[in-house]
Amino acid sequence: MMKRAHLRQFLALVETGNFTRAADRLGIAQPTLSAAIAELERLAGNQLFLRDRRQVRLTEAGSRLVTHARAIEREFRAAELAFGEATAPVTPLRVGVVPSIATAMLSAIVRGSAGPQPLVLAEGTDAELRRRMGEGQVDAIITVLRAEDADRPSLPLIEEDYRLFLPEGHALAGAAQIEAGDVAAETMIARRSCEILGETSRWFTQRGVRPPFFLRSANDDRCMEMVRAGMGVTTAPHSLGRDGVVGVRLSGYDFRRTLGLLAPRDRPDLVSPGHPLADACRASGG
């Protein structure tokens, strides 16, 4: 018979991605956890994890079990709270974020989310975060929304275009719009966190612009500060602008993005009015 202990062990392994870390979290020996997961797989009649030397990943059957296991665990906790028996620490709300969200915006979300669950942030690419949410390793993600997300629990926060950022004293900083050729002689700074990095590279190449690079970095704050310091120019979403830099439109560079909060199908509450995270996201995006 499947027990609550099986599901808690299963969820610990899902959330940590590693037998050693999961065993440490549960306060049991790794062989004990391995035996328990093997027993759970026998009871389920399916292999739940794909194992390699460094991490484990869910199989299709494991992904199906995650939804049920999380729902059962929530109900157990609700029952414990109803009868005043909850003694364990409050489970944190795990939120994945793409690196290209403006730090000021993320800070506003964190400061505004004063709910009963403490926040824990996890950074990753859009693909990584979507996989981790599907495997139950994070509860919700703040990422670039896609057209196919329309039928999923989501909350758009900000829709914006991408611009070329220059230091405010640059000769082109006052222009309403510039052509690609106008920056052919400029030194560039490549934002490796950019969701359209490949598209941007092709866009410039197709227009014969192959500039030298001062910096390639996944740290957006560093990239923007180097622009402010006059070390180069870069393309970025409008929300990454700050004092000392100017965002100018590039003719024909018509990329846009919608940044938003995305939740699993079984957690529409996370994007609904009244939830602290959703309310904080709305306030920051407004």
Protein backbone atom coordinates (compact mmCIF):
# COMPACT_ATOMS: atom_id res chain seq x y z
CA MET A 1 0.00 0.00 0.00
CA MET A 2 1.31 3.45 -0.91
CA LYS A 3 1.87 5.61 2.17
CA ARG A 4 2.37 9.31 2.81
CA ALA A 5 6.02 8.64 3.64
CA HIS A 6 6.48 7.26 0.11
CA LEU A 7 5.09 10.44 -1.41
CA ARG A 8 7.17 12.74 0.81
CA GLN A 9 10.30 10.81 -0.12
CA PHE A 10 9.29 10.95 -3.77
CA LEU A 11 8.74 14.72 -3.63
CA ALA A 12 12.03 15.31 -1.80
CA LEU A 13 13.86 13.49 -4.58
CA VAL A 14 11.96 15.41 -7.25
CA GLU A 15 12.75 18.76 -5.63
CA THR A 16 16.44 18.13 -4.98
CA GLY A 17 17.17 16.03 -8.08
CA ASN A 18 19.70 13.95 -6.16
CA PHE A 19 19.49 10.98 -3.75
CA THR A 20 22.15 12.39 -1.41
CA ARG A 21 20.50 15.81 -1.06
CA ALA A 22 17.04 14.27 -0.71
CA ALA A 23 18.24 11.91 2.01
CA ASP A 24 19.87 14.82 3.86
CA ARG A 25 16.64 16.81 3.67
CA LEU A 26 14.63 13.89 5.04
CA GLY A 27 17.19 13.03 7.71
CA ILE A 28 17.58 9.42 6.56
CA ALA A 29 20.40 7.36 5.07
CA GLN A 30 20.75 7.29 1.30
CA PRO A 31 20.34 3.48 1.08
CA THR A 32 17.08 3.82 3.03
CA LEU A 33 15.80 6.38 0.55
CA SER A 34 16.90 4.27 -2.42
CA ALA A 35 15.04 1.28 -1.02
CA ALA A 36 11.93 3.38 -0.37
CA ILE A 37 11.89 4.75 -3.93
CA ALA A 38 12.37 1.24 -5.31
CA GLU A 39 9.41 0.09 -3.21
CA LEU A 40 7.31 3.02 -4.46
CA GLU A 41 8.16 2.13 -8.06
CA ARG A 42 7.12 -1.46 -7.38
CA LEU A 43 3.81 -0.28 -5.88
CA ALA A 44 3.23 2.11 -8.80
CA GLY A 45 4.10 -0.57 -11.33
CA ASN A 46 6.27 1.91 -13.23
CA GLN A 47 9.78 3.31 -13.22
CA LEU A 48 9.45 6.85 -11.85
CA PHE A 49 13.01 8.16 -12.27
CA LEU A 50 15.80 8.03 -14.82
CA ARG A 51 19.04 7.81 -12.86
CA ASP A 52 22.58 8.85 -13.71
CA ARG A 53 25.64 9.52 -11.58
CA ARG A 54 24.85 13.14 -10.73
CA GLN A 55 21.09 13.58 -10.87
CA VAL A 56 17.74 11.94 -11.40
CA ARG A 57 14.98 12.99 -13.77
CA LEU A 58 11.34 12.03 -13.90
CA THR A 59 9.96 9.52 -16.36
CA GLU A 60 6.57 10.12 -17.94
CA ALA A 61 4.98 8.06 -15.17
CA GLY A 62 6.88 10.05 -12.55
CA SER A 63 5.66 13.32 -14.04
CA ARG A 64 2.07 12.09 -13.74
CA LEU A 65 2.61 11.14 -10.11
CA VAL A 66 4.02 14.58 -9.19
CA THR A 67 0.66 16.30 -9.62
CA HIS A 68 -1.13 13.79 -7.42
CA ALA A 69 1.64 13.68 -4.80
CA ARG A 70 1.70 17.45 -4.43
CA ALA A 71 -2.10 17.62 -4.16
CA ILE A 72 -2.14 14.86 -1.52
CA GLU A 73 0.61 16.55 0.48
CA ARG A 74 -1.25 19.87 0.40
CA GLU A 75 -4.39 18.16 1.71
CA PHE A 76 -2.43 16.48 4.49
CA ARG A 77 -0.99 19.82 5.54
CA ALA A 78 -4.40 21.47 5.39
CA ALA A 79 -5.82 18.74 7.63
CA GLU A 80 -2.96 19.16 10.11
CA LEU A 81 -3.51 22.90 10.23
CA ALA A 82 -7.25 22.45 10.70
CA PHE A 83 -6.67 20.34 13.79
CA GLY A 84 -3.74 22.37 15.13
CA GLU A 85 -1.26 19.56 14.63
CA ALA A 86 1.19 21.21 12.26
CA THR A 87 4.61 21.31 13.84
CA ALA A 88 6.81 21.31 10.74
CA PRO A 89 8.18 24.59 9.31
CA VAL A 90 6.08 26.29 6.66
CA THR A 91 6.93 24.99 3.20
CA PRO A 92 8.50 27.76 1.11
CA LEU A 93 7.04 28.87 -2.22
CA ARG A 94 9.67 28.09 -4.85
CA VAL A 95 9.66 30.58 -7.73
CA GLY A 96 11.87 30.24 -10.79
CA VAL A 97 12.99 33.42 -12.55
CA VAL A 98 14.72 34.08 -15.86
CA PRO A 99 17.95 36.08 -15.52
CA SER A 100 16.68 38.85 -17.79
CA ILE A 101 14.03 40.13 -15.40
CA ALA A 102 15.06 43.58 -14.17
CA THR A 103 16.51 43.35 -10.66
CA ALA A 104 14.39 46.29 -9.51
CA MET A 105 11.23 44.55 -10.69
CA LEU A 106 12.17 41.27 -9.01
CA SER A 107 13.01 43.13 -5.82
CA ALA A 108 9.57 44.76 -5.85
CA ILE A 109 7.92 41.35 -6.25
CA VAL A 110 9.91 39.85 -3.38
CA ARG A 111 9.23 42.81 -1.09
CA GLY A 112 5.55 42.86 -1.96
CA SER A 113 4.91 39.14 -1.53
CA ALA A 114 4.18 39.10 2.20
CA GLY A 115 2.33 35.80 2.35
CA PRO A 116 2.49 32.97 4.89
CA GLN A 117 4.96 31.06 2.70
CA PRO A 118 8.52 32.40 2.47
CA LEU A 119 9.84 32.76 -1.07
CA VAL A 120 12.78 30.80 -2.43
CA LEU A 121 14.11 31.90 -5.84
CA ALA A 122 15.74 29.71 -8.45
CA GLU A 123 17.33 31.21 -11.56
CA GLY A 124 17.49 29.49 -14.93
CA THR A 125 16.75 29.73 -18.61
CA ASP A 126 13.17 29.56 -19.83
CA ALA A 127 13.63 25.94 -20.94
CA GLU A 128 15.23 24.93 -17.64
CA LEU A 129 12.51 26.58 -15.57
CA ARG A 130 9.69 25.05 -17.57
CA ARG A 131 11.23 21.60 -17.13
CA ARG A 132 11.75 22.13 -13.41
CA MET A 133 8.16 23.28 -12.96
CA GLY A 134 6.91 20.26 -14.88
CA GLU A 135 8.93 18.02 -12.59
CA GLY A 136 7.67 19.76 -9.46
CA GLN A 137 11.02 21.31 -8.51
CA VAL A 138 9.58 24.85 -8.53
CA ASP A 139 6.00 25.94 -7.86
CA ALA A 140 5.77 28.76 -10.42
CA ILE A 141 8.04 30.66 -12.79
CA ILE A 142 8.47 34.22 -14.00
CA THR A 143 9.47 33.94 -17.62
CA VAL A 144 8.71 35.05 -21.17
CA LEU A 145 5.17 33.93 -21.97
CA ARG A 146 4.48 32.09 -25.23
CA ALA A 147 1.34 31.85 -27.34
CA GLU A 148 0.82 28.27 -26.15
CA ASP A 149 0.66 29.48 -22.53
CA ALA A 150 -2.75 31.05 -23.19
CA ASP A 151 -4.59 28.00 -21.83
CA ARG A 152 -2.40 27.67 -18.73
CA PRO A 153 -2.59 29.57 -15.44
CA SER A 154 -0.62 32.72 -16.24
CA LEU A 155 -0.43 36.37 -15.36
CA PRO A 156 1.14 38.82 -17.87
CA LEU A 157 3.24 41.40 -16.04
CA ILE A 158 4.81 43.60 -18.69
CA GLU A 159 4.85 43.75 -22.50
CA GLU A 160 7.83 45.55 -23.96
CA ASP A 161 10.07 46.01 -26.96
CA TYR A 162 13.83 45.58 -27.27
CA ARG A 163 16.06 48.59 -27.85
CA LEU A 164 19.68 49.48 -28.43
CA PHE A 165 21.12 50.90 -25.22
CA LEU A 166 23.87 53.49 -25.34
CA PRO A 167 25.53 55.68 -22.70
CA GLU A 168 23.58 58.90 -22.26
CA GLY A 169 26.41 61.02 -23.66
CA HIS A 170 26.62 59.04 -26.91
CA ALA A 171 26.17 60.96 -30.16
CA LEU A 172 23.20 58.75 -31.12
CA ALA A 173 21.49 58.87 -27.73
CA GLY A 174 19.11 61.65 -28.80
CA ALA A 175 17.88 59.93 -31.95
CA ALA A 176 14.29 58.72 -32.15
CA GLN A 177 15.35 55.78 -34.33
CA ILE A 178 18.59 54.60 -35.91
CA GLU A 179 19.59 52.17 -38.64
CA ALA A 180 21.69 49.05 -38.15
CA GLY A 181 24.50 50.62 -40.19
CA ASP A 182 24.71 53.51 -37.72
CA VAL A 183 26.20 51.17 -35.11
CA ALA A 184 28.51 49.21 -37.44
CA ALA A 185 31.55 50.87 -35.92
CA GLU A 186 30.40 50.46 -32.32
CA THR A 187 31.84 48.02 -29.80
CA MET A 188 29.12 45.65 -28.60
CA ILE A 189 28.31 44.02 -25.29
CA ALA A 190 26.58 40.64 -25.63
CA ARG A 191 23.94 39.75 -23.06
CA ARG A 192 24.13 35.97 -22.90
CA SER A 193 20.95 35.87 -20.83
CA CYS A 194 18.95 37.34 -23.72
CA GLU A 195 16.08 35.11 -24.88
CA ILE A 196 16.56 36.31 -28.48
CA LEU A 197 20.35 36.22 -28.56
CA GLY A 198 20.40 34.03 -31.68
CA GLU A 199 17.81 36.13 -33.48
CA THR A 200 19.70 39.32 -32.63
CA SER A 201 22.99 37.91 -33.91
CA ARG A 202 21.35 36.91 -37.20
CA TRP A 203 19.60 40.27 -37.48
CA PHE A 204 22.89 42.20 -37.35
CA THR A 205 24.75 39.70 -39.56
CA GLN A 206 22.09 39.93 -42.26
CA ARG A 207 22.64 43.69 -42.32
CA GLY A 208 26.41 43.36 -42.60
CA VAL A 209 27.10 44.49 -39.03
CA ARG A 210 29.86 42.42 -37.41
CA PRO A 211 31.14 44.56 -34.53
CA PRO A 212 33.94 43.78 -32.07
CA PHE A 213 32.89 42.78 -28.56
CA PHE A 214 34.05 44.26 -25.28
CA LEU A 215 32.16 41.80 -23.07
CA ARG A 216 30.03 38.68 -23.28
CA SER A 217 28.24 38.04 -20.00
CA ALA A 218 25.08 36.44 -18.58
CA ASN A 219 25.03 39.12 -15.85
CA ASP A 220 22.62 41.78 -17.12
CA ASP A 221 23.45 44.27 -14.40
CA ARG A 222 27.13 44.08 -15.35
CA CYS A 223 26.35 44.46 -19.04
CA MET A 224 24.19 47.53 -18.47
CA GLU A 225 26.76 49.08 -16.14
CA MET A 226 29.44 48.62 -18.81
CA VAL A 227 27.16 50.45 -21.25
CA ARG A 228 26.81 53.27 -18.73
CA ALA A 229 30.61 53.31 -18.37
CA GLY A 230 30.92 53.89 -22.11
CA MET A 231 32.53 50.54 -22.91
CA GLY A 232 30.03 49.52 -25.57
CA VAL A 233 26.37 49.28 -26.60
CA THR A 234 23.89 46.42 -26.26
CA THR A 235 20.35 45.38 -27.13
CA ALA A 236 18.00 44.65 -24.24
CA PRO A 237 14.34 44.72 -23.18
CA HIS A 238 13.17 48.24 -22.38
CA SER A 239 12.68 47.37 -18.68
CA LEU A 240 16.43 46.89 -18.20
CA GLY A 241 17.08 50.59 -18.73
CA ARG A 242 18.50 52.68 -15.90
CA ASP A 243 19.97 56.07 -15.15
CA GLY A 244 22.95 56.86 -17.36
CA VAL A 245 21.85 54.82 -20.37
CA VAL A 246 19.42 55.57 -23.19
CA GLY A 247 17.33 53.06 -25.14
CA VAL A 248 16.97 53.94 -28.83
CA ARG A 249 14.77 52.12 -31.33
CA LEU A 250 16.50 50.21 -34.13
CA SER A 251 14.73 50.34 -37.48
CA GLY A 252 13.41 46.88 -38.33
CA TYR A 253 14.39 45.42 -34.98
CA ASP A 254 10.81 44.62 -34.03
CA PHE A 255 11.20 41.99 -31.34
CA ARG A 256 8.90 42.12 -28.31
CA ARG A 257 8.32 40.03 -25.23
CA THR A 258 5.68 39.54 -22.56
CA LEU A 259 7.11 38.77 -19.15
CA GLY A 260 4.72 36.98 -16.84
CA LEU A 261 4.02 34.59 -14.00
CA LEU A 262 3.29 31.03 -15.11
CA ALA A 263 1.94 28.27 -12.86
CA PRO A 264 1.23 24.53 -13.26
CA ARG A 265 -2.22 23.56 -14.47
CA ASP A 266 -3.15 22.33 -11.00
CA ARG A 267 -2.17 25.61 -9.29
CA PRO A 268 -4.35 28.38 -10.79
CA ASP A 269 -4.47 29.90 -7.30
CA LEU A 270 -0.88 31.12 -7.72
CA VAL A 271 -1.93 33.62 -10.42
CA SER A 272 -5.34 34.50 -8.95
CA PRO A 273 -6.24 37.80 -7.23
CA GLY A 274 -5.67 37.53 -3.51
CA HIS A 275 -2.61 35.32 -3.68
CA PRO A 276 0.37 37.27 -2.25
CA LEU A 277 2.70 36.31 -5.11
CA ALA A 278 0.17 37.21 -7.81
CA ASP A 279 -0.72 40.49 -6.11
CA ALA A 280 2.96 41.43 -5.77
CA CYS A 281 3.55 40.60 -9.44
CA ARG A 282 0.58 42.73 -10.50
CA ALA A 283 1.85 45.66 -8.47
CA SER A 284 5.37 45.40 -9.90
CA GLY A 285 4.16 45.06 -13.49
CA GLY A 286 1.70 47.91 -13.24
